[in-house]
């Protein structure tokens, strides 16, 4: 990330991460596009920020 915009990203699949996102979205009641910032700290995922828009790395 540079100046708040995504400079480089890596895609991967992780069931633990998908489960966290699905649970969070259901509990929060989001509907539509959102940008969720999640950090991996020693194998644990932490949600740090949620914005109701497409993220800068979307295109």
PDB file of N, CA and C in Angstrom:
ATOM      1  N   UNK A   1       0.839  -1.165   0.000  1.00  0.00           N
ATOM      2  CA  UNK A   1       0.000   0.000   0.000  1.00  0.00           C
ATOM      3  C   UNK A   1       0.890   1.236   0.000  1.00  0.00           C
ATOM      4  N   UNK A   2       0.472   2.213  -0.776  1.00  0.00           N
ATOM      5  CA  UNK A   2       1.236   3.459  -0.828  1.00  0.00           C
ATOM      6  C   UNK A   2       0.250   4.616  -0.900  1.00  0.00           C
ATOM      7  N   UNK A   3       0.342   5.562   0.005  1.00  0.00           N
ATOM      8  CA  UNK A   3      -0.546   6.724   0.056  1.00  0.00           C
ATOM      9  C   UNK A   3      -2.017   6.316   0.069  1.00  0.00           C
ATOM     10  N   UNK A   4      -2.316   5.219   0.764  1.00  0.00           N
ATOM     11  CA  UNK A   4      -3.696   4.771   0.886  1.00  0.00           C
ATOM     12  C   UNK A   4      -4.227   3.990  -0.291  1.00  0.00           C
ATOM     13  N   UNK A   5      -3.427   3.759  -1.299  1.00  0.00           N
ATOM     14  CA  UNK A   5      -3.850   3.008  -2.487  1.00  0.00           C
ATOM     15  C   UNK A   5      -3.038   1.725  -2.606  1.00  0.00           C
ATOM     16  N   UNK A   6      -3.678   0.687  -3.112  1.00  0.00           N
ATOM     17  CA  UNK A   6      -3.002  -0.595  -3.282  1.00  0.00           C
ATOM     18  C   UNK A   6      -1.969  -0.491  -4.389  1.00  0.00           C
ATOM     19  N   UNK A   7      -0.745  -0.850  -4.073  1.00  0.00           N
ATOM     20  CA  UNK A   7       0.353  -0.819  -5.036  1.00  0.00           C
ATOM     21  C   UNK A   7       0.589  -2.217  -5.597  1.00  0.00           C
ATOM     22  N   UNK A   8       0.429  -3.221  -4.743  1.00  0.00           N
ATOM     23  CA  UNK A   8       0.665  -4.600  -5.134  1.00  0.00           C
ATOM     24  C   UNK A   8      -0.153  -5.498  -4.218  1.00  0.00           C
ATOM     25  N   UNK A   9      -0.733  -6.561  -4.794  1.00  0.00           N
ATOM     26  CA  UNK A   9      -1.547  -7.477  -3.999  1.00  0.00           C
ATOM     27  C   UNK A   9      -1.298  -8.912  -4.437  1.00  0.00           C
ATOM     28  N   UNK A  10      -1.577  -9.841  -3.536  1.00  0.00           N
ATOM     29  CA  UNK A  10      -1.450 -11.272  -3.814  1.00  0.00           C
ATOM     30  C   UNK A  10      -2.781 -11.917  -3.460  1.00  0.00           C
ATOM     31  N   UNK A  11      -3.303 -12.732  -4.361  1.00  0.00           N
ATOM     32  CA  UNK A  11      -4.552 -13.449  -4.103  1.00  0.00           C
ATOM     33  C   UNK A  11      -4.253 -14.858  -3.628  1.00  0.00           C
ATOM     34  N   UNK A  12      -5.054 -15.353  -2.679  1.00  0.00           N
ATOM     35  CA  UNK A  12      -4.907 -16.722  -2.209  1.00  0.00           C
ATOM     36  C   UNK A  12      -6.222 -17.154  -1.580  1.00  0.00           C
ATOM     37  N   UNK A  13      -6.387 -18.453  -1.395  1.00  0.00           N
ATOM     38  CA  UNK A  13      -7.588 -18.993  -0.771  1.00  0.00           C
ATOM     39  C   UNK A  13      -7.230 -19.547   0.597  1.00  0.00           C
ATOM     40  N   UNK A  14      -8.053 -19.185   1.594  1.00  0.00           N
ATOM     41  CA  UNK A  14      -7.847 -19.655   2.955  1.00  0.00           C
ATOM     42  C   UNK A  14      -9.226 -19.772   3.604  1.00  0.00           C
ATOM     43  N   UNK A  15      -9.660 -20.991   3.906  1.00  0.00           N
ATOM     44  CA  UNK A  15     -10.990 -21.216   4.465  1.00  0.00           C
ATOM     45  C   UNK A  15     -11.200 -20.432   5.756  1.00  0.00           C
ATOM     46  N   UNK A  16     -10.185 -20.361   6.597  1.00  0.00           N
ATOM     47  CA  UNK A  16     -10.285 -19.620   7.854  1.00  0.00           C
ATOM     48  C   UNK A  16     -10.594 -18.139   7.588  1.00  0.00           C
ATOM     49  N   UNK A  17      -9.951 -17.571   6.580  1.00  0.00           N
ATOM     50  CA  UNK A  17     -10.183 -16.178   6.215  1.00  0.00           C
ATOM     51  C   UNK A  17     -11.584 -16.003   5.628  1.00  0.00           C
ATOM     52  N   UNK A  18     -11.984 -16.894   4.729  1.00  0.00           N
ATOM     53  CA  UNK A  18     -13.321 -16.815   4.129  1.00  0.00           C
ATOM     54  C   UNK A  18     -14.398 -16.931   5.194  1.00  0.00           C
ATOM     55  N   UNK A  19     -14.209 -17.820   6.158  1.00  0.00           N
ATOM     56  CA  UNK A  19     -15.186 -17.992   7.239  1.00  0.00           C
ATOM     57  C   UNK A  19     -15.301 -16.716   8.080  1.00  0.00           C
ATOM     58  N   UNK A  20     -14.165 -16.073   8.380  1.00  0.00           N
ATOM     59  CA  UNK A  20     -14.166 -14.825   9.140  1.00  0.00           C
ATOM     60  C   UNK A  20     -14.959 -13.754   8.405  1.00  0.00           C
ATOM     61  N   UNK A  21     -14.701 -13.604   7.120  1.00  0.00           N
ATOM     62  CA  UNK A  21     -15.381 -12.581   6.318  1.00  0.00           C
ATOM     63  C   UNK A  21     -16.886 -12.863   6.247  1.00  0.00           C
ATOM     64  N   UNK A  22     -17.248 -14.107   5.972  1.00  0.00           N
ATOM     65  CA  UNK A  22     -18.660 -14.468   5.861  1.00  0.00           C
ATOM     66  C   UNK A  22     -19.393 -14.207   7.182  1.00  0.00           C
ATOM     67  N   UNK A  23     -18.796 -14.592   8.292  1.00  0.00           N
ATOM     68  CA  UNK A  23     -19.403 -14.386   9.606  1.00  0.00           C
ATOM     69  C   UNK A  23     -19.561 -12.890   9.899  1.00  0.00           C
ATOM     70  N   UNK A  24     -18.522 -12.119   9.621  1.00  0.00           N
ATOM     71  CA  UNK A  24     -18.555 -10.679   9.865  1.00  0.00           C
ATOM     72  C   UNK A  24     -19.643  -9.994   9.044  1.00  0.00           C
ATOM     73  N   UNK A  25     -19.716 -10.312   7.761  1.00  0.00           N
ATOM     74  CA  UNK A  25     -20.691  -9.673   6.874  1.00  0.00           C
ATOM     75  C   UNK A  25     -22.124 -10.013   7.299  1.00  0.00           C
ATOM     76  N   UNK A  26     -22.361 -11.264   7.673  1.00  0.00           N
ATOM     77  CA  UNK A  26     -23.702 -11.658   8.123  1.00  0.00           C
ATOM     78  C   UNK A  26     -24.087 -10.934   9.404  1.00  0.00           C
ATOM     79  N   UNK A  27     -23.184 -10.872  10.368  1.00  0.00           N
ATOM     80  CA  UNK A  27     -23.480 -10.223  11.645  1.00  0.00           C
ATOM     81  C   UNK A  27     -23.646  -8.709  11.497  1.00  0.00           C
ATOM     82  N   UNK A  28     -22.852  -8.088  10.616  1.00  0.00           N
ATOM     83  CA  UNK A  28     -22.904  -6.641  10.428  1.00  0.00           C
ATOM     84  C   UNK A  28     -24.068  -6.223   9.532  1.00  0.00           C
ATOM     85  N   UNK A  29     -24.573  -7.157   8.725  1.00  0.00           N
ATOM     86  CA  UNK A  29     -25.711  -6.859   7.861  1.00  0.00           C
ATOM     87  C   UNK A  29     -25.356  -6.117   6.588  1.00  0.00           C
ATOM     88  N   UNK A  30     -24.112  -6.202   6.159  1.00  0.00           N
ATOM     89  CA  UNK A  30     -23.707  -5.522   4.925  1.00  0.00           C
ATOM     90  C   UNK A  30     -24.370  -6.160   3.715  1.00  0.00           C
ATOM     91  N   UNK A  31     -24.686  -5.314   2.734  1.00  0.00           N
ATOM     92  CA  UNK A  31     -25.267  -5.768   1.486  1.00  0.00           C
ATOM     93  C   UNK A  31     -24.698  -4.886   0.374  1.00  0.00           C
ATOM     94  N   UNK A  32     -23.970  -5.453  -0.545  1.00  0.00           N
ATOM     95  CA  UNK A  32     -23.329  -4.670  -1.599  1.00  0.00           C
ATOM     96  C   UNK A  32     -21.824  -4.734  -1.456  1.00  0.00           C
ATOM     97  N   UNK A  33     -21.143  -3.888  -2.215  1.00  0.00           N
ATOM     98  CA  UNK A  33     -19.683  -3.924  -2.194  1.00  0.00           C
ATOM     99  C   UNK A  33     -19.131  -3.263  -0.938  1.00  0.00           C
ATOM    100  N   UNK A  34     -18.088  -3.875  -0.386  1.00  0.00           N
ATOM    101  CA  UNK A  34     -17.363  -3.290   0.736  1.00  0.00           C
ATOM    102  C   UNK A  34     -15.891  -3.629   0.576  1.00  0.00           C
ATOM    103  N   UNK A  35     -15.080  -2.825   1.177  1.00  0.00           N
ATOM    104  CA  UNK A  35     -13.630  -3.012   1.185  1.00  0.00           C
ATOM    105  C   UNK A  35     -13.239  -3.289   2.632  1.00  0.00           C
ATOM    106  N   UNK A  36     -12.691  -4.479   2.881  1.00  0.00           N
ATOM    107  CA  UNK A  36     -12.312  -4.859   4.243  1.00  0.00           C
ATOM    108  C   UNK A  36     -10.797  -5.007   4.307  1.00  0.00           C
ATOM    109  N   UNK A  37     -10.169  -4.281   5.228  1.00  0.00           N
ATOM    110  CA  UNK A  37      -8.735  -4.436   5.465  1.00  0.00           C
ATOM    111  C   UNK A  37      -8.554  -5.450   6.588  1.00  0.00           C
ATOM    112  N   UNK A  38      -7.795  -6.503   6.297  1.00  0.00           N
ATOM    113  CA  UNK A  38      -7.571  -7.571   7.264  1.00  0.00           C
ATOM    114  C   UNK A  38      -6.066  -7.827   7.357  1.00  0.00           C
ATOM    115  N   UNK A  39      -5.578  -7.946   8.581  1.00  0.00           N
ATOM    116  CA  UNK A  39      -4.168  -8.229   8.812  1.00  0.00           C
ATOM    117  C   UNK A  39      -3.998  -9.640   9.349  1.00  0.00           C
ATOM    118  N   UNK A  40      -2.944 -10.295   8.922  1.00  0.00           N
ATOM    119  CA  UNK A  40      -2.566 -11.617   9.419  1.00  0.00           C
ATOM    120  C   UNK A  40      -1.420 -11.397  10.411  1.00  0.00           C
ATOM    121  N   UNK A  41      -1.699 -11.667  11.684  1.00  0.00           N
ATOM    122  CA  UNK A  41      -0.689 -11.514  12.725  1.00  0.00           C
ATOM    123  C   UNK A  41      -0.470 -12.879  13.367  1.00  0.00           C
ATOM    124  N   UNK A  42       0.656 -13.469  13.045  1.00  0.00           N
ATOM    125  CA  UNK A  42       1.022 -14.778  13.588  1.00  0.00           C
ATOM    126  C   UNK A  42      -0.076 -15.823  13.383  1.00  0.00           C
ATOM    127  N   UNK A  43      -0.649 -15.831  12.176  1.00  0.00           N
ATOM    128  CA  UNK A  43      -1.647 -16.839  11.831  1.00  0.00           C
ATOM    129  C   UNK A  43      -3.066 -16.524  12.252  1.00  0.00           C
ATOM    130  N   UNK A  44      -3.284 -15.375  12.895  1.00  0.00           N
ATOM    131  CA  UNK A  44      -4.634 -14.939  13.277  1.00  0.00           C
ATOM    132  C   UNK A  44      -5.011 -13.732  12.437  1.00  0.00           C
ATOM    133  N   UNK A  45      -6.244 -13.720  11.926  1.00  0.00           N
ATOM    134  CA  UNK A  45      -6.711 -12.610  11.113  1.00  0.00           C
ATOM    135  C   UNK A  45      -7.443 -11.585  11.967  1.00  0.00           C
ATOM    136  N   UNK A  46      -7.182 -10.300  11.682  1.00  0.00           N
ATOM    137  CA  UNK A  46      -7.811  -9.195  12.395  1.00  0.00           C
ATOM    138  C   UNK A  46      -8.369  -8.200  11.387  1.00  0.00           C
ATOM    139  N   UNK A  47      -9.653  -7.872  11.541  1.00  0.00           N
ATOM    140  CA  UNK A  47     -10.285  -6.867  10.689  1.00  0.00           C
ATOM    141  C   UNK A  47      -9.932  -5.507  11.272  1.00  0.00           C
ATOM    142  N   UNK A  48      -9.387  -4.620  10.440  1.00  0.00           N
ATOM    143  CA  UNK A  48      -8.974  -3.313  10.950  1.00  0.00           C
ATOM    144  C   UNK A  48      -9.821  -2.168  10.423  1.00  0.00           C
ATOM    145  N   UNK A  49     -10.410  -2.341   9.238  1.00  0.00           N
ATOM    146  CA  UNK A  49     -11.155  -1.238   8.647  1.00  0.00           C
ATOM    147  C   UNK A  49     -12.144  -1.781   7.630  1.00  0.00           C
ATOM    148  N   UNK A  50     -13.319  -1.148   7.558  1.00  0.00           N
ATOM    149  CA  UNK A  50     -14.348  -1.531   6.591  1.00  0.00           C
ATOM    150  C   UNK A  50     -14.877  -0.263   5.936  1.00  0.00           C
ATOM    151  N   UNK A  51     -14.913  -0.244   4.599  1.00  0.00           N
ATOM    152  CA  UNK A  51     -15.408   0.911   3.855  1.00  0.00           C
ATOM    153  C   UNK A  51     -16.458   0.466   2.848  1.00  0.00           C
ATOM    154  N   UNK A  52     -17.574   1.201   2.723  1.00  0.00           N
ATOM    155  CA  UNK A  52     -18.634   0.837   1.785  1.00  0.00           C
ATOM    156  C   UNK A  52     -18.330   1.297   0.360  1.00  0.00           C
ATOM    157  N   UNK A  53     -17.305   0.723  -0.236  1.00  0.00           N
ATOM    158  CA  UNK A  53     -16.877   1.083  -1.606  1.00  0.00           C
ATOM    159  C   UNK A  53     -15.984  -0.024  -2.135  1.00  0.00           C
ATOM    160  N   UNK A  54     -15.657   0.051  -3.409  1.00  0.00           N
ATOM    161  CA  UNK A  54     -14.648  -0.836  -3.961  1.00  0.00           C
ATOM    162  C   UNK A  54     -13.295  -0.371  -3.467  1.00  0.00           C
ATOM    163  N   UNK A  55     -12.406  -1.322  -3.175  1.00  0.00           N
ATOM    164  CA  UNK A  55     -11.049  -0.978  -2.744  1.00  0.00           C
ATOM    165  C   UNK A  55     -10.202  -0.452  -3.884  1.00  0.00           C
ATOM    166  N   UNK A  56      -9.120   0.233  -3.547  1.00  0.00           N
ATOM    167  CA  UNK A  56      -8.221   0.793  -4.560  1.00  0.00           C
ATOM    168  C   UNK A  56      -7.555  -0.233  -5.441  1.00  0.00           C
ATOM    169  N   UNK A  57      -7.461  -1.474  -4.978  1.00  0.00           N
ATOM    170  CA  UNK A  57      -6.831  -2.531  -5.772  1.00  0.00           C
ATOM    171  C   UNK A  57      -7.799  -3.255  -6.683  1.00  0.00           C
ATOM    172  N   UNK A  58      -9.069  -2.850  -6.675  1.00  0.00           N
ATOM    173  CA  UNK A  58     -10.087  -3.559  -7.454  1.00  0.00           C
ATOM    174  C   UNK A  58      -9.793  -3.610  -8.951  1.00  0.00           C
ATOM    175  N   UNK A  59      -9.455  -2.463  -9.586  1.00  0.00           N
ATOM    176  CA  UNK A  59      -9.218  -2.501 -11.039  1.00  0.00           C
ATOM    177  C   UNK A  59      -8.071  -3.417 -11.396  1.00  0.00           C
TER     178      UNK A  59
END
